[in-house]
Amino acid sequence: MTLYEQLKGELITAMKAKDEVALNTVRGILSACTNELVATKRTPHDTLTDEEITAVIKRAVKQRKDSVEQYMKGNRADLAQVEVAEISLLEKYLPETMGRDDIARVVKAKIADLGGIVDKSKKGMLMGMVMNELKGVADGNDVKDVIDELLV
């Protein structure tokens, strides 16, 4: 079952359960998928690959995290709770991300491959190499934090 079919099934389930948060969230993602198709000059009747849908979902999660931060700054915890609920729904469609320990192992291996980088002047090059290897598996902010810790 593709991710798109899974989302369509989730939409029907949310309708039957009258779960407004899930219904609005899944509708929004399906709409974003259609927008992505149009943006890439395909017809709305085509389907995105699982990787493309995952990218759309990641963008939506990032937007919601930014919204939560803004709502908390504006003392609107009620709106932030809705966004957090949507984030938890969307994250179940994303692949598991690597933990910081696993990222640290990859970063240390790349440092060894580069001959033991010890200064921050090569940080960008190291970050690029690590992100090429861990694209879609690790969060970029976690990778950046690990590199910052290791390059003192």
C-alpha atoms as a PDB file:
ATOM      1  CA  MET A   1       0.000   0.000   0.000  1.00  0.00           C
ATOM      2  CA  THR A   2       1.418   3.350  -1.027  1.00  0.00           C
ATOM      3  CA  LEU A   3       1.538   6.319   1.288  1.00  0.00           C
ATOM      4  CA  TYR A   4      -1.091   8.077  -0.830  1.00  0.00           C
ATOM      5  CA  GLU A   5      -3.495   5.139  -0.465  1.00  0.00           C
ATOM      6  CA  GLN A   6      -2.790   5.095   3.251  1.00  0.00           C
ATOM      7  CA  LEU A   7      -3.684   8.786   3.507  1.00  0.00           C
ATOM      8  CA  LYS A   8      -6.897   8.248   1.522  1.00  0.00           C
ATOM      9  CA  GLY A   9      -7.835   5.418   3.893  1.00  0.00           C
ATOM     10  CA  GLU A  10      -7.074   7.620   6.885  1.00  0.00           C
ATOM     11  CA  LEU A  11      -9.350  10.311   5.420  1.00  0.00           C
ATOM     12  CA  ILE A  12     -12.271   7.887   5.262  1.00  0.00           C
ATOM     13  CA  THR A  13     -11.565   6.646   8.787  1.00  0.00           C
ATOM     14  CA  ALA A  14     -11.461  10.214  10.121  1.00  0.00           C
ATOM     15  CA  MET A  15     -14.764  11.007   8.389  1.00  0.00           C
ATOM     16  CA  LYS A  16     -16.456   7.965   9.889  1.00  0.00           C
ATOM     17  CA  ALA A  17     -15.067   8.719  13.351  1.00  0.00           C
ATOM     18  CA  LYS A  18     -15.969  12.414  13.021  1.00  0.00           C
ATOM     19  CA  ASP A  19     -12.433  13.265  14.142  1.00  0.00           C
ATOM     20  CA  GLU A  20     -12.130  16.905  13.074  1.00  0.00           C
ATOM     21  CA  VAL A  21      -8.404  17.252  13.781  1.00  0.00           C
ATOM     22  CA  ALA A  22      -7.476  14.135  11.811  1.00  0.00           C
ATOM     23  CA  LEU A  23      -9.901  15.015   9.032  1.00  0.00           C
ATOM     24  CA  ASN A  24      -8.549  18.549   8.601  1.00  0.00           C
ATOM     25  CA  THR A  25      -4.951  17.371   8.826  1.00  0.00           C
ATOM     26  CA  VAL A  26      -5.279  14.591   6.247  1.00  0.00           C
ATOM     27  CA  ARG A  27      -7.321  16.803   3.916  1.00  0.00           C
ATOM     28  CA  GLY A  28      -4.617  19.433   4.168  1.00  0.00           C
ATOM     29  CA  ILE A  29      -1.887  16.943   3.290  1.00  0.00           C
ATOM     30  CA  LEU A  30      -3.842  15.539   0.353  1.00  0.00           C
ATOM     31  CA  SER A  31      -4.420  19.097  -0.835  1.00  0.00           C
ATOM     32  CA  ALA A  32      -0.709  19.854  -0.464  1.00  0.00           C
ATOM     33  CA  CYS A  33       0.036  16.726  -2.525  1.00  0.00           C
ATOM     34  CA  THR A  34      -2.254  17.993  -5.287  1.00  0.00           C
ATOM     35  CA  ASN A  35      -0.556  21.391  -5.117  1.00  0.00           C
ATOM     36  CA  GLU A  36       2.822  19.666  -5.423  1.00  0.00           C
ATOM     37  CA  LEU A  37       1.614  17.838  -8.539  1.00  0.00           C
ATOM     38  CA  VAL A  38       0.480  21.092 -10.114  1.00  0.00           C
ATOM     39  CA  ALA A  39       3.724  22.817  -9.128  1.00  0.00           C
ATOM     40  CA  THR A  40       5.708  20.076 -10.864  1.00  0.00           C
ATOM     41  CA  LYS A  41       3.581  20.472 -14.020  1.00  0.00           C
ATOM     42  CA  ARG A  42       1.673  17.221 -13.646  1.00  0.00           C
ATOM     43  CA  THR A  43      -2.059  16.776 -13.629  1.00  0.00           C
ATOM     44  CA  PRO A  44      -3.968  16.465 -10.335  1.00  0.00           C
ATOM     45  CA  HIS A  45      -4.961  12.949 -11.421  1.00  0.00           C
ATOM     46  CA  ASP A  46      -1.353  11.743 -11.253  1.00  0.00           C
ATOM     47  CA  THR A  47       0.094  10.502  -7.988  1.00  0.00           C
ATOM     48  CA  LEU A  48       3.234  11.451  -6.128  1.00  0.00           C
ATOM     49  CA  THR A  49       5.837   8.907  -5.161  1.00  0.00           C
ATOM     50  CA  ASP A  50       6.181   7.974  -1.504  1.00  0.00           C
ATOM     51  CA  GLU A  51       9.385  10.040  -1.310  1.00  0.00           C
ATOM     52  CA  GLU A  52       7.613  13.114  -2.672  1.00  0.00           C
ATOM     53  CA  ILE A  53       4.706  12.662  -0.258  1.00  0.00           C
ATOM     54  CA  THR A  54       7.180  12.272   2.603  1.00  0.00           C
ATOM     55  CA  ALA A  55       8.789  15.583   1.594  1.00  0.00           C
ATOM     56  CA  VAL A  56       5.353  17.259   1.589  1.00  0.00           C
ATOM     57  CA  ILE A  57       4.600  15.852   5.053  1.00  0.00           C
ATOM     58  CA  LYS A  58       7.994  16.969   6.387  1.00  0.00           C
ATOM     59  CA  ARG A  59       7.306  20.489   5.141  1.00  0.00           C
ATOM     60  CA  ALA A  60       3.897  20.444   6.827  1.00  0.00           C
ATOM     61  CA  VAL A  61       5.408  19.246  10.120  1.00  0.00           C
ATOM     62  CA  LYS A  62       8.040  21.986   9.959  1.00  0.00           C
ATOM     63  CA  GLN A  63       5.365  24.619   9.325  1.00  0.00           C
ATOM     64  CA  ARG A  64       3.335  23.369  12.264  1.00  0.00           C
ATOM     65  CA  LYS A  65       6.364  23.392  14.560  1.00  0.00           C
ATOM     66  CA  ASP A  66       6.997  27.005  13.584  1.00  0.00           C
ATOM     67  CA  SER A  67       3.339  27.774  14.283  1.00  0.00           C
ATOM     68  CA  VAL A  68       3.555  26.169  17.726  1.00  0.00           C
ATOM     69  CA  GLU A  69       6.566  28.323  18.531  1.00  0.00           C
ATOM     70  CA  GLN A  70       4.753  31.477  17.412  1.00  0.00           C
ATOM     71  CA  TYR A  71       1.573  30.573  19.288  1.00  0.00           C
ATOM     72  CA  MET A  72       3.541  29.962  22.478  1.00  0.00           C
ATOM     73  CA  LYS A  73       5.228  33.352  22.105  1.00  0.00           C
ATOM     74  CA  GLY A  74       1.796  34.920  21.701  1.00  0.00           C
ATOM     75  CA  ASN A  75       0.369  33.119  24.766  1.00  0.00           C
ATOM     76  CA  ARG A  76      -2.069  31.124  22.640  1.00  0.00           C
ATOM     77  CA  ALA A  77      -1.638  27.639  24.109  1.00  0.00           C
ATOM     78  CA  ASP A  78      -5.081  26.626  22.822  1.00  0.00           C
ATOM     79  CA  LEU A  79      -3.983  27.083  19.199  1.00  0.00           C
ATOM     80  CA  ALA A  80      -0.627  25.471  19.908  1.00  0.00           C
ATOM     81  CA  GLN A  81      -2.363  22.324  21.199  1.00  0.00           C
ATOM     82  CA  VAL A  82      -4.179  21.889  17.890  1.00  0.00           C
ATOM     83  CA  GLU A  83      -0.898  22.199  15.994  1.00  0.00           C
ATOM     84  CA  VAL A  84       0.797  19.683  18.320  1.00  0.00           C
ATOM     85  CA  ALA A  85      -2.049  17.219  17.719  1.00  0.00           C
ATOM     86  CA  GLU A  86      -1.612  17.646  13.964  1.00  0.00           C
ATOM     87  CA  ILE A  87       2.150  17.126  14.276  1.00  0.00           C
ATOM     88  CA  SER A  88       1.638  13.838  16.123  1.00  0.00           C
ATOM     89  CA  LEU A  89      -0.781  12.668  13.419  1.00  0.00           C
ATOM     90  CA  LEU A  90       1.610  13.563  10.612  1.00  0.00           C
ATOM     91  CA  GLU A  91       4.713  12.085  12.231  1.00  0.00           C
ATOM     92  CA  LYS A  92       3.285   8.577  12.047  1.00  0.00           C
ATOM     93  CA  TYR A  93       3.623   8.794   8.248  1.00  0.00           C
ATOM     94  CA  LEU A  94       7.276   9.800   8.405  1.00  0.00           C
ATOM     95  CA  PRO A  95      10.123   7.286   8.578  1.00  0.00           C
ATOM     96  CA  GLU A  96      11.965   6.917  11.870  1.00  0.00           C
ATOM     97  CA  THR A  97      14.789   9.403  12.246  1.00  0.00           C
ATOM     98  CA  MET A  98      18.220   8.489  13.518  1.00  0.00           C
ATOM     99  CA  GLY A  99      19.155   9.158  17.109  1.00  0.00           C
ATOM    100  CA  ARG A 100      21.978  11.491  18.060  1.00  0.00           C
ATOM    101  CA  ASP A 101      24.260   8.565  18.936  1.00  0.00           C
ATOM    102  CA  ASP A 102      23.871   7.051  15.471  1.00  0.00           C
ATOM    103  CA  ILE A 103      24.432  10.449  13.872  1.00  0.00           C
ATOM    104  CA  ALA A 104      27.575  10.919  15.971  1.00  0.00           C
ATOM    105  CA  ARG A 105      28.954   7.596  14.680  1.00  0.00           C
ATOM    106  CA  VAL A 106      28.435   8.681  11.066  1.00  0.00           C
ATOM    107  CA  VAL A 107      29.966  12.119  11.737  1.00  0.00           C
ATOM    108  CA  LYS A 108      33.025  10.560  13.402  1.00  0.00           C
ATOM    109  CA  ALA A 109      33.452   8.212  10.427  1.00  0.00           C
ATOM    110  CA  LYS A 110      33.293  11.157   8.010  1.00  0.00           C
ATOM    111  CA  ILE A 111      35.799  13.093  10.110  1.00  0.00           C
ATOM    112  CA  ALA A 112      38.138  10.099   9.911  1.00  0.00           C
ATOM    113  CA  ASP A 113      37.612   9.913   6.121  1.00  0.00           C
ATOM    114  CA  LEU A 114      38.602  13.565   5.811  1.00  0.00           C
ATOM    115  CA  GLY A 115      41.790  13.026   7.761  1.00  0.00           C
ATOM    116  CA  GLY A 116      40.600  14.141  11.175  1.00  0.00           C
ATOM    117  CA  ILE A 117      39.078  17.591  10.758  1.00  0.00           C
ATOM    118  CA  VAL A 118      39.493  19.453  14.012  1.00  0.00           C
ATOM    119  CA  ASP A 119      38.572  23.040  13.164  1.00  0.00           C
ATOM    120  CA  LYS A 120      35.251  24.683  12.351  1.00  0.00           C
ATOM    121  CA  SER A 121      36.464  26.071   9.012  1.00  0.00           C
ATOM    122  CA  LYS A 122      35.582  22.752   7.335  1.00  0.00           C
ATOM    123  CA  LYS A 123      32.211  22.478   9.065  1.00  0.00           C
ATOM    124  CA  GLY A 124      30.182  23.243   5.919  1.00  0.00           C
ATOM    125  CA  MET A 125      31.964  20.593   3.892  1.00  0.00           C
ATOM    126  CA  LEU A 126      31.491  18.025   6.655  1.00  0.00           C
ATOM    127  CA  MET A 127      27.818  18.970   7.053  1.00  0.00           C
ATOM    128  CA  GLY A 128      27.250  18.497   3.315  1.00  0.00           C
ATOM    129  CA  MET A 129      28.898  15.083   3.282  1.00  0.00           C
ATOM    130  CA  VAL A 130      26.959  13.862   6.307  1.00  0.00           C
ATOM    131  CA  MET A 131      23.623  15.187   5.021  1.00  0.00           C
ATOM    132  CA  ASN A 132      24.192  13.519   1.635  1.00  0.00           C
ATOM    133  CA  GLU A 133      24.562  10.208   3.421  1.00  0.00           C
ATOM    134  CA  LEU A 134      21.749  10.731   5.945  1.00  0.00           C
ATOM    135  CA  LYS A 135      19.241  12.556   3.718  1.00  0.00           C
ATOM    136  CA  GLY A 136      15.728  11.657   4.797  1.00  0.00           C
ATOM    137  CA  VAL A 137      16.961   9.571   7.722  1.00  0.00           C
ATOM    138  CA  ALA A 138      18.235  12.244  10.098  1.00  0.00           C
ATOM    139  CA  ASP A 139      17.055  15.704  11.051  1.00  0.00           C
ATOM    140  CA  GLY A 140      19.383  18.426   9.778  1.00  0.00           C
ATOM    141  CA  ASN A 141      19.260  20.317  13.084  1.00  0.00           C
ATOM    142  CA  ASP A 142      20.373  17.195  14.971  1.00  0.00           C
ATOM    143  CA  VAL A 143      23.241  16.681  12.523  1.00  0.00           C
ATOM    144  CA  LYS A 144      24.291  20.323  12.952  1.00  0.00           C
ATOM    145  CA  ASP A 145      24.188  20.029  16.744  1.00  0.00           C
ATOM    146  CA  VAL A 146      26.282  16.834  16.710  1.00  0.00           C
ATOM    147  CA  ILE A 147      28.862  18.408  14.408  1.00  0.00           C
ATOM    148  CA  ASP A 148      29.029  21.492  16.633  1.00  0.00           C
ATOM    149  CA  GLU A 149      29.622  19.279  19.684  1.00  0.00           C
ATOM    150  CA  LEU A 150      32.340  17.256  17.975  1.00  0.00           C
ATOM    151  CA  LEU A 151      34.159  20.210  16.382  1.00  0.00           C
ATOM    152  CA  VAL A 152      35.182  22.171  19.422  1.00  0.00           C
END
